[in-house]
Amino acid sequence: MGATYDPIKYMPKSLDELKKLKKLEPLVVHKLRTPLTTIRMYSEALLTDEHITDPTVKDYLKEIHDASLRMGDVLTILDPTTDQNK
């Protein structure tokens, strides 16, 4: 007769892995948020720089800035320390 699958046997391993991921999550969010903040700040500064007048460059900067804001929103959702996730 074949062996039967026992989900209880594998549960502690899964819970342990889940605990490890929960500990890793804030670190990953922080490590991504730090450079993302730099990208957002520099793109804002360049967008408001009166010496940059080329419309194509402005469009690229706007795309970079908007993408950084969207990525920031995703990090806020993933961040277990924000009020949104409590």
N, C-alpha and C. Protein backbone atom coordinates (compact mmCIF):
# COMPACT_ATOMS: atom_id res chain seq x y z
N MET A 1 0.84 -1.17 0.00
CA MET A 1 0.00 0.00 0.00
C MET A 1 0.89 1.24 0.00
N GLY A 2 0.48 2.30 -0.70
CA GLY A 2 1.27 3.52 -0.81
C GLY A 2 1.19 4.37 0.44
N ALA A 3 2.19 5.22 0.59
CA ALA A 3 2.23 6.13 1.74
C ALA A 3 1.17 7.21 1.58
N THR A 4 0.60 7.60 2.69
CA THR A 4 -0.42 8.66 2.66
C THR A 4 0.23 9.99 3.00
N TYR A 5 -0.35 11.04 2.49
CA TYR A 5 0.14 12.40 2.74
C TYR A 5 -0.40 12.88 4.08
N ASP A 6 0.47 13.30 4.94
CA ASP A 6 0.08 13.80 6.26
C ASP A 6 0.43 15.29 6.35
N PRO A 7 -0.57 16.18 6.15
CA PRO A 7 -0.28 17.62 6.16
C PRO A 7 0.24 18.12 7.50
N ILE A 8 -0.16 17.46 8.59
CA ILE A 8 0.30 17.86 9.92
C ILE A 8 1.82 17.69 10.03
N LYS A 9 2.34 16.67 9.39
CA LYS A 9 3.78 16.40 9.42
C LYS A 9 4.57 17.58 8.85
N TYR A 10 4.01 18.25 7.87
CA TYR A 10 4.72 19.34 7.20
C TYR A 10 4.38 20.72 7.77
N MET A 11 3.40 20.81 8.61
CA MET A 11 2.96 22.10 9.12
C MET A 11 4.04 22.84 9.91
N PRO A 12 4.73 22.22 10.86
CA PRO A 12 5.74 22.99 11.60
C PRO A 12 6.80 23.60 10.69
N LYS A 13 7.21 22.88 9.68
CA LYS A 13 8.19 23.42 8.75
C LYS A 13 7.61 24.64 8.03
N SER A 14 6.38 24.55 7.62
CA SER A 14 5.75 25.67 6.94
C SER A 14 5.60 26.86 7.87
N LEU A 15 5.22 26.63 9.12
CA LEU A 15 5.09 27.72 10.08
C LEU A 15 6.44 28.36 10.37
N ASP A 16 7.48 27.53 10.46
CA ASP A 16 8.82 28.05 10.68
C ASP A 16 9.26 28.93 9.50
N GLU A 17 8.98 28.46 8.30
CA GLU A 17 9.32 29.25 7.12
C GLU A 17 8.53 30.55 7.09
N LEU A 18 7.28 30.50 7.50
CA LEU A 18 6.44 31.69 7.55
C LEU A 18 7.00 32.70 8.56
N LYS A 19 7.44 32.21 9.70
CA LYS A 19 8.03 33.09 10.71
C LYS A 19 9.29 33.75 10.18
N LYS A 20 10.11 32.99 9.46
CA LYS A 20 11.33 33.55 8.88
C LYS A 20 11.00 34.64 7.86
N LEU A 21 10.00 34.40 7.05
CA LEU A 21 9.59 35.40 6.06
C LEU A 21 9.07 36.65 6.73
N LYS A 22 8.31 36.48 7.81
CA LYS A 22 7.77 37.64 8.54
C LYS A 22 8.90 38.49 9.13
N LYS A 23 9.98 37.84 9.56
CA LYS A 23 11.13 38.58 10.09
C LYS A 23 11.89 39.29 8.97
N LEU A 24 11.92 38.68 7.80
CA LEU A 24 12.66 39.22 6.67
C LEU A 24 11.92 40.39 6.01
N GLU A 25 10.61 40.36 6.06
CA GLU A 25 9.78 41.34 5.36
C GLU A 25 10.13 42.80 5.69
N PRO A 26 10.22 43.20 6.96
CA PRO A 26 10.55 44.60 7.24
C PRO A 26 11.93 45.00 6.72
N LEU A 27 12.87 44.08 6.78
CA LEU A 27 14.22 44.37 6.29
C LEU A 27 14.21 44.62 4.78
N VAL A 28 13.50 43.77 4.06
CA VAL A 28 13.42 43.93 2.60
C VAL A 28 12.73 45.24 2.25
N VAL A 29 11.64 45.54 2.93
CA VAL A 29 10.92 46.80 2.67
C VAL A 29 11.84 47.98 2.92
N HIS A 30 12.58 47.95 4.02
CA HIS A 30 13.50 49.05 4.34
C HIS A 30 14.60 49.17 3.29
N LYS A 31 15.18 48.04 2.90
CA LYS A 31 16.27 48.05 1.92
C LYS A 31 15.79 48.56 0.56
N LEU A 32 14.54 48.36 0.22
CA LEU A 32 13.99 48.88 -1.04
C LEU A 32 13.55 50.33 -0.90
N ARG A 33 13.00 50.68 0.24
CA ARG A 33 12.48 52.04 0.43
C ARG A 33 13.60 53.09 0.41
N THR A 34 14.75 52.78 0.96
CA THR A 34 15.84 53.75 1.05
C THR A 34 16.30 54.23 -0.33
N PRO A 35 16.68 53.35 -1.25
CA PRO A 35 17.07 53.86 -2.57
C PRO A 35 15.89 54.44 -3.35
N LEU A 36 14.71 53.91 -3.11
CA LEU A 36 13.53 54.44 -3.79
C LEU A 36 13.27 55.89 -3.38
N THR A 37 13.47 56.20 -2.12
CA THR A 37 13.31 57.57 -1.65
C THR A 37 14.31 58.49 -2.33
N THR A 38 15.52 58.02 -2.51
CA THR A 38 16.54 58.81 -3.21
C THR A 38 16.12 59.07 -4.65
N ILE A 39 15.62 58.05 -5.32
CA ILE A 39 15.16 58.21 -6.71
C ILE A 39 14.02 59.22 -6.76
N ARG A 40 13.07 59.11 -5.84
CA ARG A 40 11.94 60.03 -5.82
C ARG A 40 12.40 61.46 -5.58
N MET A 41 13.29 61.66 -4.62
CA MET A 41 13.74 63.01 -4.30
C MET A 41 14.52 63.64 -5.45
N TYR A 42 15.43 62.88 -6.06
CA TYR A 42 16.19 63.43 -7.19
C TYR A 42 15.30 63.71 -8.39
N SER A 43 14.34 62.83 -8.64
CA SER A 43 13.45 63.08 -9.78
C SER A 43 12.59 64.32 -9.53
N GLU A 44 12.15 64.53 -8.30
CA GLU A 44 11.41 65.76 -7.97
C GLU A 44 12.28 66.99 -8.18
N ALA A 45 13.52 66.92 -7.71
CA ALA A 45 14.43 68.06 -7.86
C ALA A 45 14.68 68.36 -9.34
N LEU A 46 14.89 67.33 -10.13
CA LEU A 46 15.15 67.54 -11.55
C LEU A 46 13.90 68.04 -12.29
N LEU A 47 12.73 67.57 -11.87
CA LEU A 47 11.49 68.03 -12.50
C LEU A 47 11.26 69.53 -12.28
N THR A 48 11.70 70.04 -11.16
CA THR A 48 11.49 71.45 -10.86
C THR A 48 12.69 72.32 -11.25
N ASP A 49 13.74 71.70 -11.79
CA ASP A 49 14.93 72.46 -12.21
C ASP A 49 14.59 73.27 -13.46
N GLU A 50 14.70 74.58 -13.35
CA GLU A 50 14.34 75.46 -14.47
C GLU A 50 15.34 75.37 -15.62
N HIS A 51 16.50 74.77 -15.40
CA HIS A 51 17.49 74.63 -16.46
C HIS A 51 17.19 73.44 -17.37
N ILE A 52 16.35 72.56 -16.92
CA ILE A 52 15.96 71.41 -17.74
C ILE A 52 14.67 71.79 -18.46
N THR A 53 14.81 72.04 -19.75
CA THR A 53 13.66 72.52 -20.53
C THR A 53 13.22 71.55 -21.62
N ASP A 54 14.02 70.57 -21.92
CA ASP A 54 13.68 69.61 -22.98
C ASP A 54 12.44 68.83 -22.56
N PRO A 55 11.36 68.91 -23.36
CA PRO A 55 10.11 68.21 -22.99
C PRO A 55 10.27 66.69 -22.89
N THR A 56 11.13 66.12 -23.72
CA THR A 56 11.34 64.67 -23.66
C THR A 56 11.99 64.28 -22.33
N VAL A 57 12.97 65.07 -21.92
CA VAL A 57 13.64 64.81 -20.64
C VAL A 57 12.64 64.97 -19.50
N LYS A 58 11.80 66.00 -19.58
CA LYS A 58 10.78 66.21 -18.54
C LYS A 58 9.82 65.02 -18.47
N ASP A 59 9.43 64.51 -19.65
CA ASP A 59 8.54 63.34 -19.69
C ASP A 59 9.20 62.13 -19.03
N TYR A 60 10.48 61.90 -19.33
CA TYR A 60 11.19 60.78 -18.73
C TYR A 60 11.27 60.94 -17.21
N LEU A 61 11.58 62.15 -16.77
CA LEU A 61 11.66 62.41 -15.33
C LEU A 61 10.31 62.19 -14.65
N LYS A 62 9.24 62.61 -15.32
CA LYS A 62 7.90 62.42 -14.76
C LYS A 62 7.58 60.93 -14.64
N GLU A 63 7.96 60.16 -15.67
CA GLU A 63 7.74 58.70 -15.62
C GLU A 63 8.51 58.08 -14.45
N ILE A 64 9.76 58.50 -14.28
CA ILE A 64 10.57 57.98 -13.17
C ILE A 64 9.93 58.33 -11.84
N HIS A 65 9.52 59.57 -11.71
CA HIS A 65 8.91 60.03 -10.46
C HIS A 65 7.60 59.28 -10.17
N ASP A 66 6.75 59.18 -11.17
CA ASP A 66 5.47 58.49 -10.99
C ASP A 66 5.67 57.01 -10.63
N ALA A 67 6.65 56.38 -11.29
CA ALA A 67 6.93 54.97 -10.99
C ALA A 67 7.44 54.82 -9.56
N SER A 68 8.25 55.77 -9.11
CA SER A 68 8.76 55.69 -7.74
C SER A 68 7.62 55.84 -6.73
N LEU A 69 6.64 56.67 -7.04
CA LEU A 69 5.48 56.81 -6.15
C LEU A 69 4.66 55.53 -6.10
N ARG A 70 4.47 54.90 -7.26
CA ARG A 70 3.71 53.64 -7.30
C ARG A 70 4.44 52.55 -6.52
N MET A 71 5.76 52.48 -6.70
CA MET A 71 6.53 51.48 -5.96
C MET A 71 6.47 51.75 -4.46
N GLY A 72 6.48 53.02 -4.08
CA GLY A 72 6.34 53.38 -2.67
C GLY A 72 5.01 52.92 -2.10
N ASP A 73 3.96 53.03 -2.91
CA ASP A 73 2.64 52.55 -2.48
C ASP A 73 2.66 51.05 -2.23
N VAL A 74 3.33 50.31 -3.10
CA VAL A 74 3.43 48.86 -2.94
C VAL A 74 4.20 48.53 -1.66
N LEU A 75 5.29 49.25 -1.41
CA LEU A 75 6.07 49.01 -0.20
C LEU A 75 5.26 49.32 1.06
N THR A 76 4.42 50.34 0.99
CA THR A 76 3.57 50.67 2.13
C THR A 76 2.60 49.52 2.42
N ILE A 77 2.07 48.92 1.38
CA ILE A 77 1.17 47.78 1.55
C ILE A 77 1.93 46.59 2.16
N LEU A 78 3.16 46.38 1.71
CA LEU A 78 3.95 45.24 2.18
C LEU A 78 4.55 45.46 3.56
N ASP A 79 4.70 46.71 3.97
CA ASP A 79 5.38 47.02 5.23
C ASP A 79 4.49 46.65 6.42
N PRO A 80 4.93 45.68 7.22
CA PRO A 80 4.10 45.25 8.35
C PRO A 80 4.07 46.26 9.49
N THR A 81 4.90 47.29 9.43
CA THR A 81 4.94 48.27 10.51
C THR A 81 4.05 49.48 10.27
N THR A 82 3.41 49.57 9.11
CA THR A 82 2.54 50.72 8.84
C THR A 82 1.17 50.51 9.47
N ASP A 83 0.51 51.61 9.78
CA ASP A 83 -0.84 51.55 10.36
C ASP A 83 -1.81 50.82 9.45
N GLN A 84 -1.57 50.91 8.14
CA GLN A 84 -2.46 50.28 7.17
C GLN A 84 -2.52 48.77 7.36
N ASN A 85 -1.46 48.18 7.88
CA ASN A 85 -1.38 46.73 8.00
C ASN A 85 -1.58 46.22 9.42
N LYS A 86 -2.02 47.08 10.31
CA LYS A 86 -2.24 46.64 11.71
C LYS A 86 -3.67 46.31 11.95
